[in-house]
Protein backbone atom coordinates (compact mmCIF):
# COMPACT_ATOMS: atom_id res chain seq x y z
CA MET A 1 107.42 127.94 55.81
CA PHE A 2 104.47 128.50 54.27
CA ALA A 3 103.02 127.34 51.29
CA LYS A 4 102.06 130.08 48.44
CA ILE A 5 99.01 131.62 48.11
CA THR A 6 93.52 140.73 48.56
CA VAL A 7 91.04 141.49 51.09
CA ILE A 8 89.75 145.16 52.10
CA LEU A 9 91.73 146.49 55.32
CA SER A 10 88.77 145.91 57.44
CA ILE A 11 87.94 142.16 56.69
CA SER A 12 91.54 141.82 57.57
CA LEU A 13 90.98 143.38 60.99
CA VAL A 14 87.69 141.43 62.23
CA VAL A 15 88.21 137.86 60.60
CA PHE A 16 90.03 137.28 64.10
CA SER A 17 87.08 138.50 66.04
CA CYS A 18 85.57 135.07 66.98
CA ASP A 19 87.15 135.23 70.80
CA THR A 20 87.60 139.24 72.16
CA GLU A 21 86.25 138.40 75.77
CA GLY A 22 88.85 140.50 78.04
CA ILE A 23 90.80 141.89 75.32
CA LYS A 24 92.03 145.09 75.98
CA LYS A 25 91.65 147.01 71.98
CA ASP A 26 93.73 149.98 72.56
CA PRO A 27 97.37 149.05 74.63
CA VAL A 28 99.19 151.92 76.11
CA SER A 29 102.07 153.07 73.63
CA LYS A 30 105.44 152.11 74.41
CA ASN A 31 108.78 153.36 73.01
CA GLU A 32 111.85 150.82 71.94
CA ASN A 33 112.48 150.67 75.24
CA GLY A 34 109.05 149.13 76.42
CA LYS A 35 108.50 152.16 78.91
CA ASN A 36 105.22 153.84 78.31
CA LYS A 37 105.52 156.50 75.47
CA LYS A 38 103.67 159.98 76.42
CA ASN A 39 100.33 160.02 74.46
CA THR A 40 100.89 162.78 71.49
CA HIS A 41 98.31 161.31 69.25
CA VAL A 42 95.89 163.40 67.81
CA GLN A 43 92.53 163.69 69.51
CA ILE A 44 90.32 160.71 68.32
CA ILE A 45 87.40 161.99 66.80
CA SER A 46 84.12 160.22 67.93
CA ASP A 47 82.04 160.80 65.60
CA ALA A 48 83.82 158.90 62.45
CA LYS A 49 81.39 159.77 59.20
CA GLU A 50 81.37 163.56 60.36
CA SER A 51 85.17 164.40 60.92
CA LEU A 52 85.65 163.01 57.10
CA LYS A 53 83.83 165.47 55.62
CA PRO A 54 85.58 167.45 53.36
CA THR A 55 87.09 171.03 54.41
CA LYS A 56 88.47 173.59 52.79
CA LEU A 57 91.14 172.87 50.05
CA ILE A 58 94.99 173.71 51.17
CA THR A 59 96.76 172.28 48.61
CA SER A 60 96.70 169.62 45.94
CA GLU A 61 99.16 167.40 43.63
CA GLU A 62 98.73 164.57 41.26
CA ASP A 63 101.63 162.18 40.26
CA LYS A 64 102.70 160.20 37.46
CA THR A 65 100.39 157.16 38.67
CA GLY A 66 97.65 159.29 38.00
CA ILE A 67 96.85 159.17 42.06
CA GLU A 68 95.59 162.60 43.27
CA ILE A 69 96.17 163.87 46.66
CA LYS A 70 93.81 166.96 47.83
CA TRP A 71 94.38 168.17 51.87
CA PHE A 72 92.19 169.75 54.35
CA GLU A 73 94.45 169.25 57.27
CA GLN A 74 98.41 169.30 57.05
CA GLY A 75 100.38 167.73 60.07
CA GLN A 76 103.95 168.63 60.81
CA GLY A 77 107.10 166.23 61.12
CA SER A 78 108.45 164.08 58.44
CA LYS A 79 106.30 161.80 56.22
CA LEU A 80 105.72 158.17 56.77
CA ILE A 81 107.88 155.44 55.59
CA ASP A 82 107.48 151.66 54.87
CA GLY A 83 107.29 149.91 58.11
CA GLN A 84 105.59 152.68 60.00
CA VAL A 85 102.35 151.17 61.90
CA VAL A 86 99.34 154.53 61.69
CA LYS A 87 96.44 154.98 63.17
CA ILE A 88 93.98 155.99 61.22
CA ASN A 89 90.36 156.68 60.41
CA TYR A 90 89.36 156.36 56.92
CA ASP A 91 86.84 155.58 54.68
CA VAL A 92 86.01 154.49 50.61
CA ARG A 93 83.42 155.43 48.33
CA LEU A 94 82.87 155.16 44.63
CA THR A 95 82.68 158.36 42.67
CA ASP A 96 78.58 158.03 43.14
CA GLY A 97 79.41 158.30 47.23
CA THR A 98 78.59 154.56 47.76
CA LEU A 99 80.49 153.51 51.22
CA VAL A 100 82.79 149.93 50.59
CA ASP A 101 85.05 150.36 53.53
CA GLY A 102 85.69 152.18 56.32
CA ASN A 103 86.20 151.93 60.18
CA GLU A 104 82.88 153.32 60.21
CA LEU A 105 81.33 150.83 59.15
CA LEU A 106 83.34 148.45 62.09
CA LYS A 107 82.17 150.96 64.84
CA ARG A 108 85.54 152.17 65.33
CA ASP A 109 87.23 155.47 65.60
CA TRP A 110 90.42 154.72 64.17
CA LEU A 111 92.23 151.13 62.82
CA PRO A 112 95.92 150.65 62.37
CA PHE A 113 97.51 150.58 58.88
CA LEU A 114 101.32 149.22 57.70
CA VAL A 115 102.80 151.29 55.64
CA GLY A 116 104.50 150.14 52.60
CA TYR A 117 103.56 146.16 52.43
CA GLY A 118 100.07 145.96 50.43
CA MET A 119 97.79 145.84 53.30
CA GLN A 120 95.71 147.46 50.71
CA THR A 121 96.09 148.16 47.02
CA LYS A 122 99.80 149.37 45.72
CA GLY A 123 98.03 153.27 45.76
CA TRP A 124 97.36 153.14 49.26
CA ASP A 125 101.09 152.60 50.17
CA ILE A 126 102.36 154.63 47.30
CA ALA A 127 99.89 157.54 48.71
CA PHE A 128 100.60 157.46 52.08
CA LYS A 129 104.19 157.59 52.02
CA LYS A 130 103.33 161.26 50.56
CA LEU A 131 101.49 161.94 54.07
CA ARG A 132 102.07 163.05 57.88
CA VAL A 133 100.99 162.68 61.28
CA GLY A 134 97.80 165.06 61.40
CA ASP A 135 96.84 165.31 57.85
CA PHE A 136 93.33 164.81 56.84
CA VAL A 137 93.21 164.05 52.90
CA GLU A 138 91.31 162.66 50.26
CA ILE A 139 93.13 160.45 47.92
CA VAL A 140 91.58 159.76 44.58
CA LEU A 141 93.22 156.15 43.05
CA PRO A 142 92.59 155.34 39.55
CA SER A 143 91.41 151.88 38.94
CA ASN A 144 94.53 150.62 38.33
CA MET A 145 95.92 151.64 41.66
CA ALA A 146 92.65 150.22 42.94
CA ARG A 147 90.77 147.03 42.76
CA GLY A 148 91.64 146.84 39.08
CA LYS A 149 89.33 144.96 36.33
CA ASP A 150 88.56 142.64 38.84
CA GLY A 151 87.20 144.77 41.36
CA VAL A 152 85.45 143.07 44.60
CA LYS A 153 83.00 140.86 43.61
CA GLY A 154 79.38 142.95 44.93
CA LEU A 155 80.91 145.63 46.01
CA ILE A 156 83.21 147.14 43.85
CA PRO A 157 82.57 147.68 40.30
CA PRO A 158 85.54 146.51 37.82
CA ASN A 159 87.54 149.48 36.58
CA ALA A 160 86.52 151.65 39.38
CA VAL A 161 88.23 154.86 40.71
CA ASN A 162 88.16 154.95 44.54
CA ILE A 163 87.91 157.72 46.41
CA ILE A 164 89.76 157.28 50.29
CA HIS A 165 89.38 160.20 53.15
CA VAL A 166 91.44 159.50 55.55
CA ARG A 167 93.04 161.35 58.81
CA VAL A 168 96.31 160.00 60.00
CA LEU A 169 95.90 159.88 63.81
CA ASP A 170 99.42 158.88 64.84
CA VAL A 171 102.17 156.56 64.49
CA ILE A 172 102.01 153.25 66.85
CA SER A 173 105.44 152.74 68.59
CA PRO A 174 106.33 148.93 68.70
CA THR A 175 105.14 147.33 72.27
CA ARG A 176 108.65 145.43 72.09
CA ILE A 177 111.57 144.96 69.74
CA ILE A 178 113.52 141.53 70.06
CA ASP A 179 116.78 141.43 67.69
CA GLY A 180 115.45 143.73 65.35
CA THR A 181 111.82 141.72 64.54
CA LYS A 182 109.02 144.35 65.90
CA VAL A 183 106.09 143.32 67.49
CA TRP A 184 102.76 145.40 67.65
CA LEU A 185 100.40 144.19 70.36
CA LEU A 186 96.66 145.76 68.91
CA GLU A 187 94.30 143.53 71.15
CA GLU A 188 95.39 142.07 74.39
CA ASN A 189 93.98 139.22 76.33
CA GLN A 190 93.63 140.21 79.64
CA SER A 191 91.37 137.92 80.88
CA ASN A 192 93.50 135.23 79.76
CA LYS A 193 96.67 134.67 81.80
CA LEU A 194 98.54 132.12 80.42
CA ARG A 195 101.47 133.21 77.95
CA ALA A 196 103.45 131.18 75.69
CA THR A 197 106.96 129.36 76.69
CA LEU A 198 108.83 127.40 74.75
CA GLU A 199 107.22 124.52 76.26
CA ASN A 200 103.78 125.36 74.43
CA THR A 201 101.93 124.69 71.30
CA VAL A 202 100.98 127.93 69.55
CA GLU A 203 97.73 127.98 67.44
CA PHE A 204 96.93 131.19 65.48
CA HIS A 205 95.31 132.16 61.99
CA TYR A 206 97.51 134.21 59.94
CA MET A 207 98.59 136.48 56.62
CA VAL A 208 101.87 136.79 56.12
CA GLY A 209 103.51 138.56 53.18
CA THR A 210 106.50 140.90 52.05
CA GLN A 211 106.81 143.97 50.08
CA SER A 212 107.14 142.57 46.72
CA ASN A 213 104.36 139.89 47.54
CA PRO A 214 101.52 141.42 49.81
CA LYS A 215 99.89 138.42 51.45
CA TYR A 216 100.88 135.51 49.52
CA ASP A 217 99.75 133.06 52.41
CA ILE A 218 97.03 133.05 54.13
CA SER A 219 95.54 131.03 56.61
CA TYR A 220 91.81 131.76 56.93
CA ARG A 221 91.29 130.68 53.51
CA ARG A 222 91.54 126.73 55.16
CA ASN A 223 89.77 127.47 57.61
CA GLN A 224 92.89 126.08 59.71
CA PRO A 225 95.19 127.59 62.35
CA TYR A 226 98.78 126.88 62.02
CA ALA A 227 100.28 125.14 65.57
CA LEU A 228 103.49 126.33 66.11
CA LYS A 229 105.84 124.30 68.87
CA PHE A 230 109.14 126.20 69.74
CA SER A 231 111.54 123.16 69.34
CA ASP A 232 110.09 122.73 65.77
CA PHE A 233 112.44 122.93 62.46
CA GLY A 234 112.43 125.32 59.69
CA ILE A 235 110.36 128.35 61.26
CA VAL A 236 111.31 132.19 60.91
CA LYS A 237 113.48 132.71 64.28
CA GLY A 238 112.10 136.10 64.65
CA LEU A 239 108.41 134.76 64.20
CA LYS A 240 109.16 132.12 67.08
CA LYS A 241 111.06 135.45 69.68
CA ALA A 242 107.92 137.33 68.62
CA LEU A 243 105.43 134.82 70.33
CA ILE A 244 107.02 134.19 73.25
CA SER A 245 104.65 135.74 75.69
CA ALA A 246 101.80 135.61 73.09
CA LYS A 247 98.49 134.93 74.75
CA ARG A 248 95.21 133.20 73.45
CA ALA A 249 93.10 135.94 71.37
CA ASP A 250 96.14 138.52 71.33
CA LYS A 251 95.81 140.14 67.91
CA ILE A 252 99.55 140.74 67.16
CA TRP A 253 101.57 142.32 63.86
CA ILE A 254 104.63 141.69 63.48
CA LEU A 255 107.69 142.96 61.77
CA VAL A 256 110.52 140.71 60.92
CA PRO A 257 113.93 141.82 58.99
CA ALA A 258 115.48 139.67 56.72
CA SER A 259 118.40 138.65 59.03
CA GLU A 260 115.83 137.35 61.59
CA ALA A 261 113.71 135.56 58.19
CA TYR A 262 115.01 134.28 54.84
CA GLY A 263 118.65 136.40 54.62
CA ASP A 264 120.18 137.44 51.84
CA LYS A 265 118.76 133.77 50.05
CA GLY A 266 115.05 134.16 50.50
CA LEU A 267 112.65 131.84 49.57
CA VAL A 268 112.59 129.88 46.45
CA ASP A 269 110.03 132.73 44.05
CA ILE A 270 108.20 133.72 47.69
CA VAL A 271 110.52 135.68 49.68
CA LYS A 272 113.79 137.90 47.42
CA PRO A 273 116.33 138.33 49.14
CA GLY A 274 116.98 140.40 51.57
CA GLU A 275 113.18 141.26 52.31
CA SER A 276 111.23 141.20 55.59
CA LEU A 277 108.33 139.52 56.60
CA PHE A 278 105.24 140.85 57.58
CA TYR A 279 103.12 138.45 59.64
CA ASP A 280 98.88 139.92 61.40
CA ILE A 281 98.09 136.71 63.41
CA PHE A 282 95.53 136.30 65.76
CA VAL A 283 96.56 133.39 68.62
CA THR A 284 93.73 131.00 69.01
CA ASP A 285 95.21 128.91 71.49
CA VAL A 286 97.95 128.26 73.87
CA ARG A 287 98.52 124.75 74.99
């Protein structure tokens, strides 16, 4: 669908904020049947900075990649897995204490994170699959598991170690599931009642990627939203189904299974056979 073409998580979560009037920023979680889910997430701490100060060390481990994790609080339940969306309170610092990323910078109590799809560097996905809801940890990423030799110009020097403090607050259930495609309505425009139907054109900015090829196409780089007509040929069918009922200024994450995307054939050298697609979408218009 899109031509082949990494940004810090917080940047990817604010580039869509050009039209936010009427947006509901914390929609009620729903279970897989679309019914309201009892809210069981850890009490959100309003002072994000204070909540991320390390306390008494409980345990630690270092793996063969050089990633070190220190636990200050431990949650219960299963470890996180690929394809889960979690609420996190986090910051990223350099070894000298310089803050380079985190929801504190956006003045938000938490931000969503999708495990396993390269939203951050590969070290994040490796580390997060060792965590549980309720964990408060420090993750030390060696440079090759962080921004590597390139760094981030003007922000993270080349070959810099990244130190992450993170609280895993909750798992966010999909808002709905359509033929295996999972949809998370992360921010909803409640002031606009026009929902997309098969007769409409949906314009949106997006990032799309797979586990092996994260963010292979980003519309923001072209400064031009994509215009999707539901009658267009060649569009990923799971994406079409997910965008039915979308409204202008909705913020949507979509995880499309291979069966609703490129299947067992894949897409040339971009999408491997059997891979799911992850879309990070901000709807700019429905017409």
